[in-house]
Amino acid sequence: MKAQEQWQCISGCGACCRLDPALRGEALEALDPEQQLTYLAMVGADGWCIHFDTGSRRCRIYAQRPDFCRVDNLLGLFSAGGCGGGAETPAAAGDNPDSPHSNNLEQHGCLDELAIACCRQQIRSEWGGRGKVMRRFNRSVRHAVRHVIRHQR
């Protein structure tokens, strides 16, 4: 049985912090009007988030970042085919133990799949498909799979 890849954010990437509406139209369209205003207010003159430190490639407001910057909310923002896009997100389900989606591994698997695809797309467009950042991200995703397999034995 092959373990499913698991999403892992890597430090020093920040590819998702490139908010330029000309490049991220689909992201902007997925947001409600209030979120769109917040998103647009965060776009700096260079197209990067005003809270992104380009030197260290870190978010300066990570703990207080908006909900649309949180990977847990991707399923709620984007339709993921058979993954239940538009349904209650795993983050919301985790906050409500009575939720029908609480601890739903299939839902979490879809979140991983969507998050990995989104990250790979963003990393490829910002740092290149064969660059150091992509290699580190892919290693991180593979490491998470090995960790799961080890703990299933």
Protein backbone atom coordinates (compact mmCIF):
# COMPACT_ATOMS: atom_id res chain seq x y z
CA MET A 1 0.00 0.00 0.00
CA LYS A 2 1.49 3.32 -1.06
CA ALA A 3 1.17 6.13 1.45
CA GLN A 4 -0.39 9.35 0.21
CA GLU A 5 1.88 12.38 0.12
CA GLN A 6 1.35 14.78 2.99
CA TRP A 7 1.63 18.54 2.63
CA GLN A 8 4.41 20.23 4.56
CA CYS A 9 5.14 23.94 4.47
CA ILE A 10 8.84 24.71 4.21
CA SER A 11 10.55 27.72 5.70
CA GLY A 12 12.24 30.19 3.42
CA CYS A 13 9.87 29.70 0.49
CA GLY A 14 7.11 32.32 0.49
CA ALA A 15 5.95 31.49 -3.04
CA CYS A 16 2.34 31.81 -1.85
CA CYS A 17 3.09 35.38 -0.68
CA ARG A 18 3.26 36.61 -4.26
CA LEU A 19 -0.19 38.23 -4.36
CA ASP A 20 -0.01 40.15 -7.64
CA PRO A 21 -3.63 40.07 -8.89
CA ALA A 22 -2.41 39.83 -12.50
CA LEU A 23 -0.77 36.51 -11.58
CA ARG A 24 -3.27 35.26 -9.00
CA GLY A 25 -6.65 36.09 -10.53
CA GLU A 26 -8.13 32.70 -9.64
CA ALA A 27 -7.16 33.21 -6.00
CA LEU A 28 -8.73 36.64 -5.89
CA GLU A 29 -11.94 35.38 -7.54
CA ALA A 30 -12.29 32.62 -4.92
CA LEU A 31 -12.58 35.18 -2.12
CA ASP A 32 -15.68 36.92 -0.87
CA PRO A 33 -15.86 40.75 -1.27
CA GLU A 34 -14.50 41.47 2.23
CA GLN A 35 -11.60 39.06 1.75
CA GLN A 36 -10.88 40.61 -1.66
CA LEU A 37 -10.50 44.04 -0.03
CA THR A 38 -8.12 42.62 2.57
CA TYR A 39 -6.17 40.75 -0.13
CA LEU A 40 -5.80 43.82 -2.34
CA ALA A 41 -4.73 45.96 0.65
CA MET A 42 -1.94 43.43 1.27
CA VAL A 43 -0.47 43.67 -2.23
CA GLY A 44 2.69 45.77 -2.30
CA ALA A 45 3.99 47.76 -5.27
CA ASP A 46 6.21 44.81 -6.23
CA GLY A 47 3.30 42.34 -6.18
CA TRP A 48 4.45 40.65 -2.97
CA CYS A 49 2.48 40.71 0.27
CA ILE A 50 3.39 43.76 2.34
CA HIS A 51 3.85 41.43 5.34
CA PHE A 52 6.38 39.22 3.54
CA ASP A 53 10.02 39.80 4.47
CA THR A 54 11.78 39.19 1.14
CA GLY A 55 15.19 38.93 2.81
CA SER A 56 14.33 36.07 5.15
CA ARG A 57 11.38 34.87 3.04
CA ARG A 58 9.13 34.83 6.10
CA CYS A 59 5.72 36.22 6.95
CA ARG A 60 5.86 38.95 9.57
CA ILE A 61 2.25 38.29 10.67
CA TYR A 62 2.17 34.50 10.37
CA ALA A 63 0.21 33.89 13.59
CA GLN A 64 -2.30 36.62 12.70
CA ARG A 65 -2.47 36.08 8.92
CA PRO A 66 -5.89 36.20 7.24
CA ASP A 67 -7.92 33.03 6.82
CA PHE A 68 -7.26 32.94 3.07
CA CYS A 69 -3.53 32.64 3.79
CA ARG A 70 -4.09 29.43 5.75
CA VAL A 71 -3.72 26.15 3.89
CA ASP A 72 -6.47 24.60 6.04
CA ASN A 73 -8.96 26.84 4.22
CA LEU A 74 -8.07 25.81 0.66
CA LEU A 75 -10.90 23.28 0.35
CA GLY A 76 -13.41 25.91 1.35
CA LEU A 77 -12.06 28.43 -1.17
CA PHE A 78 -11.41 26.20 -4.18
CA SER A 79 -13.45 23.40 -5.62
CA ALA A 80 -11.30 20.29 -5.54
CA GLY A 81 -13.27 18.03 -7.84
CA GLY A 82 -14.33 15.03 -5.76
CA CYS A 83 -12.67 16.41 -2.68
CA GLY A 84 -15.69 18.35 -1.49
CA GLY A 85 -14.78 21.91 -2.43
CA GLY A 86 -17.09 24.39 -0.80
CA ALA A 87 -17.80 21.98 2.06
CA GLU A 88 -16.78 22.58 5.61
CA THR A 89 -13.00 22.75 5.77
CA PRO A 90 -10.91 20.39 7.91
CA ALA A 91 -9.90 23.33 10.10
CA ALA A 92 -13.51 24.20 10.80
CA ALA A 93 -14.37 20.56 11.31
CA GLY A 94 -11.56 20.20 13.81
CA ASP A 95 -13.02 23.07 15.80
CA ASN A 96 -16.39 21.31 16.03
CA PRO A 97 -16.29 17.73 17.36
CA ASP A 98 -19.95 17.25 16.35
CA SER A 99 -19.21 18.11 12.71
CA PRO A 100 -19.94 15.32 10.22
CA HIS A 101 -16.47 16.04 8.75
CA SER A 102 -14.58 15.86 12.04
CA ASN A 103 -11.51 13.59 11.72
CA ASN A 104 -12.49 12.69 8.16
CA LEU A 105 -9.26 11.26 6.73
CA GLU A 106 -10.54 11.43 3.15
CA GLN A 107 -11.16 15.17 3.57
CA HIS A 108 -7.66 15.64 5.01
CA GLY A 109 -6.20 13.62 2.13
CA CYS A 110 -7.92 15.93 -0.32
CA LEU A 111 -6.52 18.93 1.55
CA ASP A 112 -3.01 17.48 1.29
CA GLU A 113 -3.47 16.77 -2.41
CA LEU A 114 -4.78 20.27 -3.13
CA ALA A 115 -2.16 21.99 -0.95
CA ILE A 116 0.70 20.06 -2.58
CA ALA A 117 -0.55 20.91 -6.08
CA CYS A 118 -1.00 24.59 -5.19
CA CYS A 119 2.44 24.81 -3.59
CA ARG A 120 4.13 23.12 -6.52
CA GLN A 121 2.42 25.49 -8.94
CA GLN A 122 3.41 28.57 -6.92
CA ILE A 123 6.97 27.38 -6.30
CA ARG A 124 7.39 26.58 -10.00
CA SER A 125 6.19 30.04 -11.03
CA GLU A 126 8.31 31.91 -8.46
CA TRP A 127 11.46 29.88 -7.94
CA GLY A 128 11.50 27.42 -10.86
CA GLY A 129 10.50 23.80 -11.19
CA ARG A 130 14.02 22.46 -10.78
CA GLY A 131 15.34 24.92 -8.22
CA LYS A 132 16.39 24.47 -4.60
CA VAL A 133 13.03 25.49 -3.19
CA MET A 134 11.14 22.87 -5.24
CA ARG A 135 13.65 20.18 -4.29
CA ARG A 136 13.30 21.08 -0.60
CA PHE A 137 9.50 21.06 -0.84
CA ASN A 138 9.43 17.66 -2.58
CA ARG A 139 11.86 16.25 0.00
CA SER A 140 9.63 17.55 2.79
CA VAL A 141 6.53 15.92 1.27
CA ARG A 142 8.39 12.60 0.82
CA HIS A 143 9.74 12.78 4.38
CA ALA A 144 6.20 13.18 5.72
CA VAL A 145 5.17 10.00 3.84
CA ARG A 146 8.10 8.02 5.29
CA HIS A 147 7.22 9.32 8.77
CA VAL A 148 3.61 8.10 8.39
CA ILE A 149 4.69 4.69 7.05
CA ARG A 150 7.15 4.24 9.94
CA HIS A 151 4.44 4.99 12.51
CA GLN A 152 1.92 2.64 10.86
CA ARG A 153 4.17 -0.38 11.42
